[in-house]
Amino acid sequence: MMNILYGLYKADRGDIFYKGELIKINRPIDAINIRICMVHQHFMLVPALSITENVITGAEPTKDGLFIDKNAARERVF
């Protein structure tokens, strides 16, 4: 189901509604544009992440536009 909501697979049947409106999600960017995100987890692809790192993935606050601002991230999550 998440692969369909994220636009990785097309649904065989059924509809997706967002805020009461019928929507079509054809690609992940369509899902991202309506703030549906997915964190793919596979133990061999990435190291274990903390709760904060998992929550901010894809919307990391930065310092100087380059480095992740871990303090700002913690404040957002907790």
PDB file of N, CA and C in Angstrom:
ATOM      1  N   MET A   1       0.812  -1.173   0.000  1.00  0.00           N
ATOM      2  CA  MET A   1       0.000   0.000   0.000  1.00  0.00           C
ATOM      3  C   MET A   1       0.870   1.258   0.000  1.00  0.00           C
ATOM      4  N   MET A   2       1.929   1.282   0.812  1.00  0.00           N
ATOM      5  CA  MET A   2       2.785   2.470   0.843  1.00  0.00           C
ATOM      6  C   MET A   2       3.459   2.708  -0.506  1.00  0.00           C
ATOM      7  N   ASN A   3       3.827   1.630  -1.203  1.00  0.00           N
ATOM      8  CA  ASN A   3       4.432   1.802  -2.525  1.00  0.00           C
ATOM      9  C   ASN A   3       3.456   2.455  -3.496  1.00  0.00           C
ATOM     10  N   ILE A   4       2.181   2.181  -3.352  1.00  0.00           N
ATOM     11  CA  ILE A   4       1.158   2.816  -4.195  1.00  0.00           C
ATOM     12  C   ILE A   4       0.981   4.269  -3.781  1.00  0.00           C
ATOM     13  N   LEU A   5       0.858   4.522  -2.472  1.00  0.00           N
ATOM     14  CA  LEU A   5       0.695   5.898  -1.997  1.00  0.00           C
ATOM     15  C   LEU A   5       1.893   6.768  -2.351  1.00  0.00           C
ATOM     16  N   TYR A   6       3.051   6.157  -2.446  1.00  0.00           N
ATOM     17  CA  TYR A   6       4.269   6.902  -2.761  1.00  0.00           C
ATOM     18  C   TYR A   6       4.537   6.989  -4.263  1.00  0.00           C
ATOM     19  N   GLY A   7       3.742   6.316  -5.070  1.00  0.00           N
ATOM     20  CA  GLY A   7       3.904   6.415  -6.512  1.00  0.00           C
ATOM     21  C   GLY A   7       4.905   5.463  -7.123  1.00  0.00           C
ATOM     22  N   LEU A   8       5.355   4.468  -6.363  1.00  0.00           N
ATOM     23  CA  LEU A   8       6.284   3.489  -6.922  1.00  0.00           C
ATOM     24  C   LEU A   8       5.543   2.428  -7.736  1.00  0.00           C
ATOM     25  N   TYR A   9       4.309   2.093  -7.305  1.00  0.00           N
ATOM     26  CA  TYR A   9       3.467   1.136  -8.025  1.00  0.00           C
ATOM     27  C   TYR A   9       2.133   1.787  -8.324  1.00  0.00           C
ATOM     28  N   LYS A  10       1.503   1.353  -9.408  1.00  0.00           N
ATOM     29  CA  LYS A  10       0.155   1.825  -9.725  1.00  0.00           C
ATOM     30  C   LYS A  10      -0.853   0.855  -9.142  1.00  0.00           C
ATOM     31  N   ALA A  11      -1.930   1.409  -8.613  1.00  0.00           N
ATOM     32  CA  ALA A  11      -2.976   0.581  -8.012  1.00  0.00           C
ATOM     33  C   ALA A  11      -3.739  -0.166  -9.110  1.00  0.00           C
ATOM     34  N   ASP A  12      -4.114  -1.415  -8.823  1.00  0.00           N
ATOM     35  CA  ASP A  12      -4.933  -2.195  -9.752  1.00  0.00           C
ATOM     36  C   ASP A  12      -6.371  -1.705  -9.745  1.00  0.00           C
ATOM     37  N   ARG A  13      -6.796  -1.233  -8.576  1.00  0.00           N
ATOM     38  CA  ARG A  13      -8.156  -0.718  -8.443  1.00  0.00           C
ATOM     39  C   ARG A  13      -8.225   0.168  -7.207  1.00  0.00           C
ATOM     40  N   GLY A  14      -9.327   0.861  -7.082  1.00  0.00           N
ATOM     41  CA  GLY A  14      -9.517   1.748  -5.944  1.00  0.00           C
ATOM     42  C   GLY A  14      -9.074   3.161  -6.258  1.00  0.00           C
ATOM     43  N   ASP A  15      -9.382   4.054  -5.353  1.00  0.00           N
ATOM     44  CA  ASP A  15      -9.061   5.467  -5.513  1.00  0.00           C
ATOM     45  C   ASP A  15      -8.319   5.966  -4.289  1.00  0.00           C
ATOM     46  N   ILE A  16      -7.573   7.033  -4.484  1.00  0.00           N
ATOM     47  CA  ILE A  16      -6.873   7.698  -3.392  1.00  0.00           C
ATOM     48  C   ILE A  16      -7.478   9.085  -3.246  1.00  0.00           C
ATOM     49  N   PHE A  17      -7.888   9.402  -2.030  1.00  0.00           N
ATOM     50  CA  PHE A  17      -8.438  10.715  -1.742  1.00  0.00           C
ATOM     51  C   PHE A  17      -7.510  11.430  -0.777  1.00  0.00           C
ATOM     52  N   TYR A  18      -7.303  12.718  -1.024  1.00  0.00           N
ATOM     53  CA  TYR A  18      -6.500  13.546  -0.138  1.00  0.00           C
ATOM     54  C   TYR A  18      -7.297  14.812   0.150  1.00  0.00           C
ATOM     55  N   LYS A  19      -7.583  15.030   1.425  1.00  0.00           N
ATOM     56  CA  LYS A  19      -8.392  16.173   1.858  1.00  0.00           C
ATOM     57  C   LYS A  19      -9.720  16.223   1.100  1.00  0.00           C
ATOM     58  N   GLY A  20     -10.314  15.049   0.897  1.00  0.00           N
ATOM     59  CA  GLY A  20     -11.623  14.951   0.263  1.00  0.00           C
ATOM     60  C   GLY A  20     -11.619  14.999  -1.248  1.00  0.00           C
ATOM     61  N   GLU A  21     -10.454  15.140  -1.859  1.00  0.00           N
ATOM     62  CA  GLU A  21     -10.374  15.217  -3.324  1.00  0.00           C
ATOM     63  C   GLU A  21      -9.703  13.966  -3.884  1.00  0.00           C
ATOM     64  N   LEU A  22     -10.252  13.473  -4.998  1.00  0.00           N
ATOM     65  CA  LEU A  22      -9.648  12.343  -5.696  1.00  0.00           C
ATOM     66  C   LEU A  22      -8.334  12.811  -6.310  1.00  0.00           C
ATOM     67  N   ILE A  23      -7.254  12.065  -6.031  1.00  0.00           N
ATOM     68  CA  ILE A  23      -5.948  12.438  -6.590  1.00  0.00           C
ATOM     69  C   ILE A  23      -5.346  11.246  -7.323  1.00  0.00           C
ATOM     70  N   LYS A  24      -4.421  11.533  -8.205  1.00  0.00           N
ATOM     71  CA  LYS A  24      -3.647  10.513  -8.908  1.00  0.00           C
ATOM     72  C   LYS A  24      -2.184  10.710  -8.544  1.00  0.00           C
ATOM     73  N   ILE A  25      -1.567   9.670  -8.058  1.00  0.00           N
ATOM     74  CA  ILE A  25      -0.137   9.710  -7.735  1.00  0.00           C
ATOM     75  C   ILE A  25       0.555   8.774  -8.715  1.00  0.00           C
ATOM     76  N   ASN A  26       1.252   9.372  -9.668  1.00  0.00           N
ATOM     77  CA  ASN A  26       1.920   8.590 -10.703  1.00  0.00           C
ATOM     78  C   ASN A  26       3.402   8.391 -10.436  1.00  0.00           C
ATOM     79  N   ARG A  27       3.986   9.331  -9.695  1.00  0.00           N
ATOM     80  CA  ARG A  27       5.420   9.288  -9.412  1.00  0.00           C
ATOM     81  C   ARG A  27       5.660   9.727  -7.979  1.00  0.00           C
ATOM     82  N   PRO A  28       6.798   9.369  -7.402  1.00  0.00           N
ATOM     83  CA  PRO A  28       7.092   9.812  -6.044  1.00  0.00           C
ATOM     84  C   PRO A  28       7.016  11.331  -5.865  1.00  0.00           C
ATOM     85  N   ILE A  29       7.403  12.091  -6.879  1.00  0.00           N
ATOM     86  CA  ILE A  29       7.350  13.551  -6.740  1.00  0.00           C
ATOM     87  C   ILE A  29       5.917  14.037  -6.538  1.00  0.00           C
ATOM     88  N   ASP A  30       4.939  13.336  -7.101  1.00  0.00           N
ATOM     89  CA  ASP A  30       3.530  13.691  -6.879  1.00  0.00           C
ATOM     90  C   ASP A  30       3.178  13.527  -5.405  1.00  0.00           C
ATOM     91  N   ALA A  31       3.645  12.440  -4.801  1.00  0.00           N
ATOM     92  CA  ALA A  31       3.391  12.190  -3.373  1.00  0.00           C
ATOM     93  C   ALA A  31       4.118  13.216  -2.514  1.00  0.00           C
ATOM     94  N   ILE A  32       5.356  13.481  -2.844  1.00  0.00           N
ATOM     95  CA  ILE A  32       6.145  14.442  -2.073  1.00  0.00           C
ATOM     96  C   ILE A  32       5.485  15.820  -2.103  1.00  0.00           C
ATOM     97  N   ASN A  33       4.946  16.202  -3.247  1.00  0.00           N
ATOM     98  CA  ASN A  33       4.306  17.513  -3.366  1.00  0.00           C
ATOM     99  C   ASN A  33       3.099  17.680  -2.455  1.00  0.00           C
ATOM    100  N   ILE A  34       2.472  16.573  -2.045  1.00  0.00           N
ATOM    101  CA  ILE A  34       1.363  16.674  -1.092  1.00  0.00           C
ATOM    102  C   ILE A  34       1.787  16.170   0.292  1.00  0.00           C
ATOM    103  N   ARG A  35       3.106  16.142   0.517  1.00  0.00           N
ATOM    104  CA  ARG A  35       3.704  15.826   1.816  1.00  0.00           C
ATOM    105  C   ARG A  35       3.520  14.374   2.247  1.00  0.00           C
ATOM    106  N   ILE A  36       3.457  13.464   1.280  1.00  0.00           N
ATOM    107  CA  ILE A  36       3.516  12.030   1.582  1.00  0.00           C
ATOM    108  C   ILE A  36       4.955  11.613   1.296  1.00  0.00           C
ATOM    109  N   CYS A  37       5.636  11.160   2.317  1.00  0.00           N
ATOM    110  CA  CYS A  37       7.024  10.738   2.164  1.00  0.00           C
ATOM    111  C   CYS A  37       7.177   9.316   2.685  1.00  0.00           C
ATOM    112  N   MET A  38       8.203   8.663   2.229  1.00  0.00           N
ATOM    113  CA  MET A  38       8.432   7.300   2.682  1.00  0.00           C
ATOM    114  C   MET A  38       9.922   7.109   2.947  1.00  0.00           C
ATOM    115  N   VAL A  39      10.219   6.507   4.075  1.00  0.00           N
ATOM    116  CA  VAL A  39      11.597   6.168   4.407  1.00  0.00           C
ATOM    117  C   VAL A  39      11.756   4.684   4.133  1.00  0.00           C
ATOM    118  N   HIS A  40      12.559   4.367   3.124  1.00  0.00           N
ATOM    119  CA  HIS A  40      12.805   2.970   2.779  1.00  0.00           C
ATOM    120  C   HIS A  40      13.797   2.403   3.781  1.00  0.00           C
ATOM    121  N   GLN A  41      13.480   1.258   4.297  1.00  0.00           N
ATOM    122  CA  GLN A  41      14.378   0.668   5.282  1.00  0.00           C
ATOM    123  C   GLN A  41      14.838  -0.712   4.823  1.00  0.00           C
ATOM    124  N   HIS A  42      16.113  -0.856   4.771  1.00  0.00           N
ATOM    125  CA  HIS A  42      16.725  -2.145   4.477  1.00  0.00           C
ATOM    126  C   HIS A  42      18.028  -2.169   5.248  1.00  0.00           C
ATOM    127  N   PHE A  43      18.196  -3.147   6.088  1.00  0.00           N
ATOM    128  CA  PHE A  43      19.312  -3.142   7.026  1.00  0.00           C
ATOM    129  C   PHE A  43      20.677  -3.082   6.359  1.00  0.00           C
ATOM    130  N   MET A  44      20.791  -3.455   5.099  1.00  0.00           N
ATOM    131  CA  MET A  44      22.093  -3.453   4.438  1.00  0.00           C
ATOM    132  C   MET A  44      22.372  -2.156   3.690  1.00  0.00           C
ATOM    133  N   LEU A  45      21.366  -1.319   3.463  1.00  0.00           N
ATOM    134  CA  LEU A  45      21.561  -0.125   2.648  1.00  0.00           C
ATOM    135  C   LEU A  45      22.064   1.073   3.431  1.00  0.00           C
ATOM    136  N   VAL A  46      21.558   1.268   4.622  1.00  0.00           N
ATOM    137  CA  VAL A  46      21.958   2.412   5.426  1.00  0.00           C
ATOM    138  C   VAL A  46      22.182   1.953   6.864  1.00  0.00           C
ATOM    139  N   PRO A  47      23.024   2.655   7.573  1.00  0.00           N
ATOM    140  CA  PRO A  47      23.217   2.296   8.979  1.00  0.00           C
ATOM    141  C   PRO A  47      21.957   2.628   9.779  1.00  0.00           C
ATOM    142  N   ALA A  48      21.868   2.067  10.970  1.00  0.00           N
ATOM    143  CA  ALA A  48      20.723   2.352  11.837  1.00  0.00           C
ATOM    144  C   ALA A  48      20.678   3.845  12.133  1.00  0.00           C
ATOM    145  N   LEU A  49      19.480   4.419  12.072  1.00  0.00           N
ATOM    146  CA  LEU A  49      19.312   5.843  12.332  1.00  0.00           C
ATOM    147  C   LEU A  49      18.599   6.046  13.662  1.00  0.00           C
ATOM    148  N   SER A  50      18.849   7.174  14.263  1.00  0.00           N
ATOM    149  CA  SER A  50      18.159   7.521  15.503  1.00  0.00           C
ATOM    150  C   SER A  50      16.716   7.923  15.164  1.00  0.00           C
ATOM    151  N   ILE A  51      15.895   8.091  16.187  1.00  0.00           N
ATOM    152  CA  ILE A  51      14.522   8.541  15.962  1.00  0.00           C
ATOM    153  C   ILE A  51      14.539   9.886  15.246  1.00  0.00           C
ATOM    154  N   THR A  52      15.350  10.795  15.729  1.00  0.00           N
ATOM    155  CA  THR A  52      15.427  12.124  15.121  1.00  0.00           C
ATOM    156  C   THR A  52      15.828  12.028  13.658  1.00  0.00           C
ATOM    157  N   GLU A  53      16.841  11.249  13.354  1.00  0.00           N
ATOM    158  CA  GLU A  53      17.304  11.115  11.967  1.00  0.00           C
ATOM    159  C   GLU A  53      16.218  10.530  11.070  1.00  0.00           C
ATOM    160  N   ASN A  54      15.470   9.540  11.567  1.00  0.00           N
ATOM    161  CA  ASN A  54      14.391   8.963  10.773  1.00  0.00           C
ATOM    162  C   ASN A  54      13.289   9.977  10.494  1.00  0.00           C
ATOM    163  N   VAL A  55      12.944  10.775  11.496  1.00  0.00           N
ATOM    164  CA  VAL A  55      11.847  11.733  11.339  1.00  0.00           C
ATOM    165  C   VAL A  55      12.212  12.871  10.393  1.00  0.00           C
ATOM    166  N   ILE A  56      13.449  13.364  10.448  1.00  0.00           N
ATOM    167  CA  ILE A  56      13.817  14.524   9.636  1.00  0.00           C
ATOM    168  C   ILE A  56      14.295  14.164   8.229  1.00  0.00           C
ATOM    169  N   THR A  57      14.435  12.877   7.940  1.00  0.00           N
ATOM    170  CA  THR A  57      14.952  12.477   6.634  1.00  0.00           C
ATOM    171  C   THR A  57      14.130  13.107   5.513  1.00  0.00           C
ATOM    172  N   GLY A  58      14.806  13.822   4.651  1.00  0.00           N
ATOM    173  CA  GLY A  58      14.149  14.490   3.528  1.00  0.00           C
ATOM    174  C   GLY A  58      13.802  15.935   3.822  1.00  0.00           C
ATOM    175  N   ALA A  59      13.866  16.350   5.085  1.00  0.00           N
ATOM    176  CA  ALA A  59      13.563  17.737   5.458  1.00  0.00           C
ATOM    177  C   ALA A  59      14.534  18.180   6.550  1.00  0.00           C
ATOM    178  N   GLU A  60      15.801  17.908   6.345  1.00  0.00           N
ATOM    179  CA  GLU A  60      16.818  18.175   7.346  1.00  0.00           C
ATOM    180  C   GLU A  60      17.074  19.673   7.479  1.00  0.00           C
ATOM    181  N   PRO A  61      17.007  20.210   8.715  1.00  0.00           N
ATOM    182  CA  PRO A  61      17.406  21.603   8.904  1.00  0.00           C
ATOM    183  C   PRO A  61      18.924  21.691   8.748  1.00  0.00           C
ATOM    184  N   THR A  62      19.384  22.762   8.130  1.00  0.00           N
ATOM    185  CA  THR A  62      20.826  22.869   7.879  1.00  0.00           C
ATOM    186  C   THR A  62      21.418  24.122   8.495  1.00  0.00           C
ATOM    187  N   LYS A  63      22.731  24.058   8.686  1.00  0.00           N
ATOM    188  CA  LYS A  63      23.537  25.216   9.080  1.00  0.00           C
ATOM    189  C   LYS A  63      24.287  25.639   7.837  1.00  0.00           C
ATOM    190  N   ASP A  64      24.212  26.883   7.508  1.00  0.00           N
ATOM    191  CA  ASP A  64      24.925  27.424   6.340  1.00  0.00           C
ATOM    192  C   ASP A  64      24.513  26.717   5.052  1.00  0.00           C
ATOM    193  N   GLY A  65      23.342  26.075   5.047  1.00  0.00           N
ATOM    194  CA  GLY A  65      22.857  25.404   3.841  1.00  0.00           C
ATOM    195  C   GLY A  65      23.636  24.170   3.455  1.00  0.00           C
ATOM    196  N   LEU A  66      24.540  23.720   4.325  1.00  0.00           N
ATOM    197  CA  LEU A  66      25.399  22.601   3.957  1.00  0.00           C
ATOM    198  C   LEU A  66      25.371  21.455   4.963  1.00  0.00           C
ATOM    199  N   PHE A  67      25.473  21.778   6.241  1.00  0.00           N
ATOM    200  CA  PHE A  67      25.555  20.745   7.264  1.00  0.00           C
ATOM    201  C   PHE A  67      24.238  20.622   8.018  1.00  0.00           C
ATOM    202  N   ILE A  68      23.888  19.417   8.430  1.00  0.00           N
ATOM    203  CA  ILE A  68      22.657  19.196   9.195  1.00  0.00           C
ATOM    204  C   ILE A  68      22.794  19.851  10.571  1.00  0.00           C
ATOM    205  N   ASP A  69      21.788  20.640  10.935  1.00  0.00           N
ATOM    206  CA  ASP A  69      21.743  21.282  12.246  1.00  0.00           C
ATOM    207  C   ASP A  69      21.042  20.322  13.201  1.00  0.00           C
ATOM    208  N   LYS A  70      21.829  19.513  13.903  1.00  0.00           N
ATOM    209  CA  LYS A  70      21.271  18.468  14.771  1.00  0.00           C
ATOM    210  C   LYS A  70      20.463  19.049  15.929  1.00  0.00           C
ATOM    211  N   ASN A  71      20.865  20.188  16.455  1.00  0.00           N
ATOM    212  CA  ASN A  71      20.101  20.798  17.554  1.00  0.00           C
ATOM    213  C   ASN A  71      18.719  21.243  17.069  1.00  0.00           C
ATOM    214  N   ALA A  72      18.655  21.869  15.920  1.00  0.00           N
ATOM    215  CA  ALA A  72      17.364  22.298  15.362  1.00  0.00           C
ATOM    216  C   ALA A  72      16.497  21.080  15.053  1.00  0.00           C
ATOM    217  N   ALA A  73      17.120  20.002  14.567  1.00  0.00           N
ATOM    218  CA  ALA A  73      16.378  18.778  14.268  1.00  0.00           C
ATOM    219  C   ALA A  73      15.766  18.196  15.536  1.00  0.00           C
ATOM    220  N   ARG A  74      16.552  18.132  16.614  1.00  0.00           N
ATOM    221  CA  ARG A  74      16.041  17.616  17.892  1.00  0.00           C
ATOM    222  C   ARG A  74      14.869  18.448  18.394  1.00  0.00           C
ATOM    223  N   GLU A  75      14.979  19.772  18.275  1.00  0.00           N
ATOM    224  CA  GLU A  75      13.905  20.656  18.727  1.00  0.00           C
ATOM    225  C   GLU A  75      12.620  20.406  17.942  1.00  0.00           C
ATOM    226  N   ARG A  76      12.741  20.169  16.649  1.00  0.00           N
ATOM    227  CA  ARG A  76      11.567  19.871  15.822  1.00  0.00           C
ATOM    228  C   ARG A  76      10.889  18.576  16.238  1.00  0.00           C
ATOM    229  N   VAL A  77      11.693  17.564  16.533  1.00  0.00           N
ATOM    230  CA  VAL A  77      11.161  16.227  16.812  1.00  0.00           C
ATOM    231  C   VAL A  77      10.647  16.110  18.232  1.00  0.00           C
ATOM    232  N   PHE A  78      11.384  16.661  19.185  1.00  0.00           N
ATOM    233  CA  PHE A  78      11.010  16.511  20.575  1.00  0.00           C
ATOM    234  C   PHE A  78      10.474  17.807  21.098  1.00  0.00           C
TER     235      PHE A  78
END
